[in-house]
C-alpha atoms as a PDB file:
ATOM      1  CA  MET A   1      -0.102 -33.627 -97.663  1.00  0.00           C
ATOM      2  CA  ALA A   2       0.191 -30.695 -94.368  1.00  0.00           C
ATOM      3  CA  ASP A   3       2.757 -30.750 -91.974  1.00  0.00           C
ATOM      4  CA  ASN A   4       2.300 -32.006 -88.486  1.00  0.00           C
ATOM      5  CA  ALA A   5       2.519 -28.263 -87.087  1.00  0.00           C
ATOM      6  CA  ARG A   6      -0.409 -27.174 -89.213  1.00  0.00           C
ATOM      7  CA  ALA A   7      -1.798 -29.917 -88.452  1.00  0.00           C
ATOM      8  CA  LYS A   8      -1.184 -29.721 -84.575  1.00  0.00           C
ATOM      9  CA  ARG A   9      -2.427 -25.608 -84.665  1.00  0.00           C
ATOM     10  CA  LEU A  10      -5.282 -26.720 -86.899  1.00  0.00           C
ATOM     11  CA  ALA A  11      -6.655 -28.944 -84.459  1.00  0.00           C
ATOM     12  CA  ASP A  12      -5.981 -26.341 -80.853  1.00  0.00           C
ATOM     13  CA  LEU A  13      -7.993 -24.378 -82.653  1.00  0.00           C
ATOM     14  CA  ILE A  14     -11.091 -27.104 -83.337  1.00  0.00           C
ATOM     15  CA  ARG A  15     -10.785 -28.060 -79.396  1.00  0.00           C
ATOM     16  CA  GLU A  16     -11.226 -24.184 -78.644  1.00  0.00           C
ATOM     17  CA  VAL A  17     -13.970 -23.391 -80.953  1.00  0.00           C
ATOM     18  CA  VAL A  18     -16.081 -26.446 -80.156  1.00  0.00           C
ATOM     19  CA  ALA A  19     -15.387 -25.559 -76.140  1.00  0.00           C
ATOM     20  CA  GLN A  20     -16.635 -22.776 -76.819  1.00  0.00           C
ATOM     21  CA  LYS A  21     -19.775 -23.049 -78.884  1.00  0.00           C
ATOM     22  CA  LEU A  22     -20.551 -25.902 -76.747  1.00  0.00           C
ATOM     23  CA  GLN A  23     -20.045 -23.272 -73.943  1.00  0.00           C
ATOM     24  CA  ARG A  24     -21.702 -20.674 -75.358  1.00  0.00           C
ATOM     25  CA  GLY A  25     -23.490 -20.977 -78.730  1.00  0.00           C
ATOM     26  CA  ILE A  26     -25.737 -24.219 -78.391  1.00  0.00           C
ATOM     27  CA  LYS A  27     -29.013 -24.507 -76.514  1.00  0.00           C
ATOM     28  CA  ASP A  28     -29.070 -28.045 -76.334  1.00  0.00           C
ATOM     29  CA  PRO A  29     -29.710 -29.197 -73.239  1.00  0.00           C
ATOM     30  CA  ARG A  30     -28.110 -32.605 -73.405  1.00  0.00           C
ATOM     31  CA  LEU A  31     -25.369 -30.380 -73.727  1.00  0.00           C
ATOM     32  CA  GLY A  32     -25.183 -28.408 -70.919  1.00  0.00           C
ATOM     33  CA  SER A  33     -21.845 -27.845 -69.057  1.00  0.00           C
ATOM     34  CA  HIS A  34     -20.795 -30.865 -67.924  1.00  0.00           C
ATOM     35  CA  VAL A  35     -19.613 -31.904 -71.659  1.00  0.00           C
ATOM     36  CA  THR A  36     -15.797 -30.635 -71.598  1.00  0.00           C
ATOM     37  CA  ILE A  37     -13.468 -31.629 -74.747  1.00  0.00           C
ATOM     38  CA  THR A  38     -10.501 -32.992 -73.796  1.00  0.00           C
ATOM     39  CA  ASP A  39      -7.997 -33.666 -76.700  1.00  0.00           C
ATOM     40  CA  THR A  40      -8.441 -32.963 -80.775  1.00  0.00           C
ATOM     41  CA  ARG A  41      -6.470 -35.018 -83.472  1.00  0.00           C
ATOM     42  CA  VAL A  42      -6.486 -33.850 -86.925  1.00  0.00           C
ATOM     43  CA  THR A  43      -5.729 -36.176 -90.081  1.00  0.00           C
ATOM     44  CA  GLY A  44      -2.392 -35.404 -92.022  1.00  0.00           C
ATOM     45  CA  ASP A  45      -4.427 -34.086 -95.086  1.00  0.00           C
ATOM     46  CA  LEU A  46      -6.542 -31.967 -92.840  1.00  0.00           C
ATOM     47  CA  ARG A  47      -9.890 -33.118 -94.176  1.00  0.00           C
ATOM     48  CA  GLU A  48     -10.947 -35.387 -90.644  1.00  0.00           C
ATOM     49  CA  ALA A  49     -11.074 -34.206 -87.250  1.00  0.00           C
ATOM     50  CA  THR A  50     -11.963 -36.547 -83.919  1.00  0.00           C
ATOM     51  CA  VAL A  51     -12.728 -34.566 -81.335  1.00  0.00           C
ATOM     52  CA  PHE A  52     -12.248 -36.338 -77.515  1.00  0.00           C
ATOM     53  CA  TYR A  53     -14.916 -35.083 -75.445  1.00  0.00           C
ATOM     54  CA  THR A  54     -15.781 -36.670 -71.175  1.00  0.00           C
ATOM     55  CA  VAL A  55     -18.599 -36.122 -69.858  1.00  0.00           C
ATOM     56  CA  TYR A  56     -19.365 -36.120 -66.067  1.00  0.00           C
ATOM     57  CA  GLY A  57     -22.321 -37.260 -65.123  1.00  0.00           C
ATOM     58  CA  ASP A  58     -23.935 -41.038 -65.421  1.00  0.00           C
ATOM     59  CA  GLU A  59     -24.463 -43.374 -68.552  1.00  0.00           C
ATOM     60  CA  GLU A  60     -27.679 -42.096 -69.155  1.00  0.00           C
ATOM     61  CA  GLU A  61     -25.885 -38.466 -69.849  1.00  0.00           C
ATOM     62  CA  ARG A  62     -23.325 -39.622 -71.369  1.00  0.00           C
ATOM     63  CA  ASN A  63     -25.233 -41.089 -74.264  1.00  0.00           C
ATOM     64  CA  ALA A  64     -28.136 -37.558 -73.673  1.00  0.00           C
ATOM     65  CA  ALA A  65     -24.364 -35.830 -74.574  1.00  0.00           C
ATOM     66  CA  SER A  66     -23.208 -38.148 -77.428  1.00  0.00           C
ATOM     67  CA  ALA A  67     -26.866 -37.886 -79.664  1.00  0.00           C
ATOM     68  CA  GLY A  68     -26.621 -33.801 -78.463  1.00  0.00           C
ATOM     69  CA  LEU A  69     -23.095 -33.530 -80.026  1.00  0.00           C
ATOM     70  CA  GLU A  70     -24.093 -35.651 -83.230  1.00  0.00           C
ATOM     71  CA  SER A  71     -27.371 -33.649 -83.801  1.00  0.00           C
ATOM     72  CA  ALA A  72     -24.906 -30.116 -82.780  1.00  0.00           C
ATOM     73  CA  LYS A  73     -21.854 -31.492 -85.627  1.00  0.00           C
ATOM     74  CA  GLY A  74     -23.136 -29.302 -88.440  1.00  0.00           C
ATOM     75  CA  ILE A  75     -22.927 -26.322 -86.738  1.00  0.00           C
ATOM     76  CA  LEU A  76     -20.203 -27.224 -84.791  1.00  0.00           C
ATOM     77  CA  ARG A  77     -18.142 -27.974 -88.289  1.00  0.00           C
ATOM     78  CA  SER A  78     -19.644 -24.063 -89.692  1.00  0.00           C
ATOM     79  CA  GLU A  79     -17.979 -22.310 -87.163  1.00  0.00           C
ATOM     80  CA  VAL A  80     -14.758 -24.551 -87.100  1.00  0.00           C
ATOM     81  CA  GLY A  81     -14.692 -23.387 -90.934  1.00  0.00           C
ATOM     82  CA  LYS A  82     -15.465 -19.895 -90.079  1.00  0.00           C
ATOM     83  CA  ALA A  83     -12.348 -19.424 -87.725  1.00  0.00           C
ATOM     84  CA  ALA A  84     -10.235 -21.670 -89.132  1.00  0.00           C
ATOM     85  CA  GLY A  85      -9.974 -19.916 -92.835  1.00  0.00           C
ATOM     86  CA  VAL A  86      -9.093 -23.211 -94.503  1.00  0.00           C
ATOM     87  CA  LYS A  87     -10.149 -24.799 -98.209  1.00  0.00           C
ATOM     88  CA  PHE A  88     -11.548 -27.365 -96.876  1.00  0.00           C
ATOM     89  CA  THR A  89     -13.522 -27.391 -93.098  1.00  0.00           C
ATOM     90  CA  PRO A  90     -12.640 -31.008 -91.992  1.00  0.00           C
ATOM     91  CA  THR A  91     -15.073 -33.392 -90.429  1.00  0.00           C
ATOM     92  CA  LEU A  92     -15.904 -33.781 -87.618  1.00  0.00           C
ATOM     93  CA  THR A  93     -16.418 -36.843 -85.097  1.00  0.00           C
ATOM     94  CA  PHE A  94     -17.065 -37.048 -81.538  1.00  0.00           C
ATOM     95  CA  VAL A  95     -15.223 -39.948 -79.308  1.00  0.00           C
ATOM     96  CA  MET A  96     -16.172 -40.830 -75.584  1.00  0.00           C
ATOM     97  CA  ASP A  97     -12.283 -39.720 -74.040  1.00  0.00           C
ATOM     98  CA  ALA A  98     -11.589 -43.404 -72.484  1.00  0.00           C
ATOM     99  CA  LEU A  99      -8.839 -41.115 -69.677  1.00  0.00           C
ATOM    100  CA  PRO A 100     -11.167 -41.364 -67.029  1.00  0.00           C
ATOM    101  CA  ASP A 101     -12.589 -44.606 -67.287  1.00  0.00           C
ATOM    102  CA  THR A 102      -9.427 -46.149 -67.076  1.00  0.00           C
ATOM    103  CA  ALA A 103      -7.878 -43.478 -64.554  1.00  0.00           C
ATOM    104  CA  ARG A 104     -10.767 -45.016 -62.230  1.00  0.00           C
ATOM    105  CA  ASN A 105      -9.643 -48.296 -63.069  1.00  0.00           C
ATOM    106  CA  ILE A 106      -5.916 -47.185 -62.345  1.00  0.00           C
ATOM    107  CA  GLU A 107      -7.254 -46.395 -58.849  1.00  0.00           C
ATOM    108  CA  ASP A 108      -9.506 -49.218 -57.968  1.00  0.00           C
ATOM    109  CA  LEU A 109      -6.276 -51.382 -59.084  1.00  0.00           C
ATOM    110  CA  LEU A 110      -4.366 -49.426 -56.631  1.00  0.00           C
ATOM    111  CA  ASP A 111      -6.641 -49.558 -53.708  1.00  0.00           C
ATOM    112  CA  ARG A 112      -6.952 -53.263 -54.160  1.00  0.00           C
ATOM    113  CA  ALA A 113      -3.442 -53.730 -53.902  1.00  0.00           C
ATOM    114  CA  ARG A 114      -2.922 -51.588 -51.243  1.00  0.00           C
ATOM    115  CA  GLN A 115      -5.872 -53.389 -49.540  1.00  0.00           C
ATOM    116  CA  SER A 116      -3.937 -56.528 -49.899  1.00  0.00           C
ATOM    117  CA  ASP A 117      -0.459 -54.846 -48.429  1.00  0.00           C
ATOM    118  CA  GLU A 118      -2.345 -53.711 -45.441  1.00  0.00           C
ATOM    119  CA  LYS A 119      -3.542 -57.599 -44.910  1.00  0.00           C
ATOM    120  CA  VAL A 120       0.176 -58.909 -45.472  1.00  0.00           C
ATOM    121  CA  ARG A 121       1.489 -55.933 -42.841  1.00  0.00           C
ATOM    122  CA  GLU A 122      -1.107 -57.260 -40.278  1.00  0.00           C
ATOM    123  CA  ALA A 123      -0.560 -61.021 -40.818  1.00  0.00           C
ATOM    124  CA  SER A 124       2.996 -60.570 -40.826  1.00  0.00           C
ATOM    125  CA  ALA A 125       3.525 -58.409 -37.365  1.00  0.00           C
ATOM    126  CA  GLY A 126       4.083 -61.117 -34.416  1.00  0.00           C
ATOM    127  CA  ALA A 127       6.264 -63.477 -36.858  1.00  0.00           C
ATOM    128  CA  ALA A 128       9.423 -64.636 -36.292  1.00  0.00           C
ATOM    129  CA  TYR A 129      11.605 -65.714 -39.153  1.00  0.00           C
ATOM    130  CA  ALA A 130      12.095 -68.849 -40.042  1.00  0.00           C
ATOM    131  CA  GLY A 131      15.473 -69.463 -39.865  1.00  0.00           C
ATOM    132  CA  GLU A 132      18.005 -66.626 -38.289  1.00  0.00           C
ATOM    133  CA  ALA A 133      17.097 -62.878 -39.064  1.00  0.00           C
ATOM    134  CA  ASP A 134      20.104 -62.673 -41.530  1.00  0.00           C
ATOM    135  CA  PRO A 135      20.568 -66.162 -43.034  1.00  0.00           C
ATOM    136  CA  TYR A 136      23.584 -65.107 -44.699  1.00  0.00           C
ATOM    137  CA  ARG A 137      27.594 -65.671 -44.178  1.00  0.00           C
ATOM    138  CA  LYS A 138      29.490 -63.025 -43.550  1.00  0.00           C
ATOM    139  CA  PRO A 139      33.368 -63.095 -44.383  1.00  0.00           C
ATOM    140  CA  GLY A 140      35.729 -64.282 -40.819  1.00  0.00           C
ATOM    141  CA  GLU A 141      32.760 -66.473 -39.532  1.00  0.00           C
ATOM    142  CA  ASP A 142      33.555 -69.683 -38.128  1.00  0.00           C
ATOM    143  CA  GLU A 143      31.497 -71.714 -40.968  1.00  0.00           C
ATOM    144  CA  THR A 144      33.542 -73.542 -43.425  1.00  0.00           C
ATOM    145  CA  GLU A 145      32.681 -75.492 -46.224  1.00  0.00           C
ATOM    146  CA  PRO A 146      33.658 -79.185 -46.444  1.00  0.00           C
ATOM    147  CA  GLU A 147      36.257 -79.908 -49.100  1.00  0.00           C
ATOM    148  CA  THR A 148      34.831 -82.100 -51.569  1.00  0.00           C
ATOM    149  CA  GLY A 149      37.363 -84.912 -53.484  1.00  0.00           C
ATOM    150  CA  THR A 150      37.722 -82.372 -56.681  1.00  0.00           C
ATOM    151  CA  GLU A 151      38.746 -78.854 -57.066  1.00  0.00           C
ATOM    152  CA  ALA A 152      36.572 -76.170 -57.441  1.00  0.00           C
ATOM    153  CA  GLY A 153      36.226 -74.254 -60.230  1.00  0.00           C
ATOM    154  CA  THR A 154      38.756 -76.279 -62.475  1.00  0.00           C
ATOM    155  CA  GLU A 155      36.569 -77.214 -65.421  1.00  0.00           C
ATOM    156  CA  ALA A 156      32.815 -75.913 -64.604  1.00  0.00           C
ATOM    157  CA  GLY A 157      33.296 -71.960 -66.123  1.00  0.00           C
ATOM    158  CA  THR A 158      36.591 -70.810 -64.136  1.00  0.00           C
ATOM    159  CA  GLY A 159      38.712 -71.738 -67.421  1.00  0.00           C
ATOM    160  CA  THR A 160      41.333 -73.073 -65.222  1.00  0.00           C
ATOM    161  CA  GLY A 161      41.037 -76.305 -66.274  1.00  0.00           C
ATOM    162  CA  THR A 162      42.226 -78.257 -69.635  1.00  0.00           C
ATOM    163  CA  GLY A 163      39.497 -77.259 -71.627  1.00  0.00           C
ATOM    164  CA  ALA A 164      38.162 -76.936 -75.281  1.00  0.00           C
ATOM    165  CA  ASP A 165      39.589 -73.020 -75.782  1.00  0.00           C
ATOM    166  CA  GLU A 166      43.346 -74.266 -74.514  1.00  0.00           C
ATOM    167  CA  THR A 167      45.701 -74.664 -77.637  1.00  0.00           C
ATOM    168  CA  ASP A 168      48.921 -76.379 -77.336  1.00  0.00           C
ATOM    169  CA  ASP A 169      51.946 -73.910 -79.113  1.00  0.00           C
ATOM    170  CA  THR A 170      54.382 -77.212 -80.137  1.00  0.00           C
ATOM    171  CA  ALA A 171      51.718 -78.589 -82.185  1.00  0.00           C
ATOM    172  CA  LYS A 172      52.021 -75.602 -84.432  1.00  0.00           C
END
């Protein structure tokens, strides 16, 4: 079992080698300059590597890039083996990175929230308070609360009444 630092270094090396080879070495038109390698992860035993990528374009270009990466997998793995110098070259698995879709989804949700806030702001522009502007009492105001027949707070939570917690010292 390799340590995490070695796996991280190998993952970084794989990301760089694959990106350089896609940019300069592979002549597949499906893998033009719109494929970006975003991340690479290697298992602890250094046998398998997952390469995450994004494609700038529509769904058709994404499918074409996926097919192009699958066809170039052998060439890319041999280049990684040359550069890494490890006993066993990891197998490469290409996975479409969901980060751009997630970011687009979050942006759409934020835009919807902004529009909703704007509608609320417009609706409340000429509105007045239902009661007073400040509904809370302030110390020193003339209004007093009417007294009830029981003492407030004796048995209802202040602990000043006769409860089960109090003991009689003479019974001991």
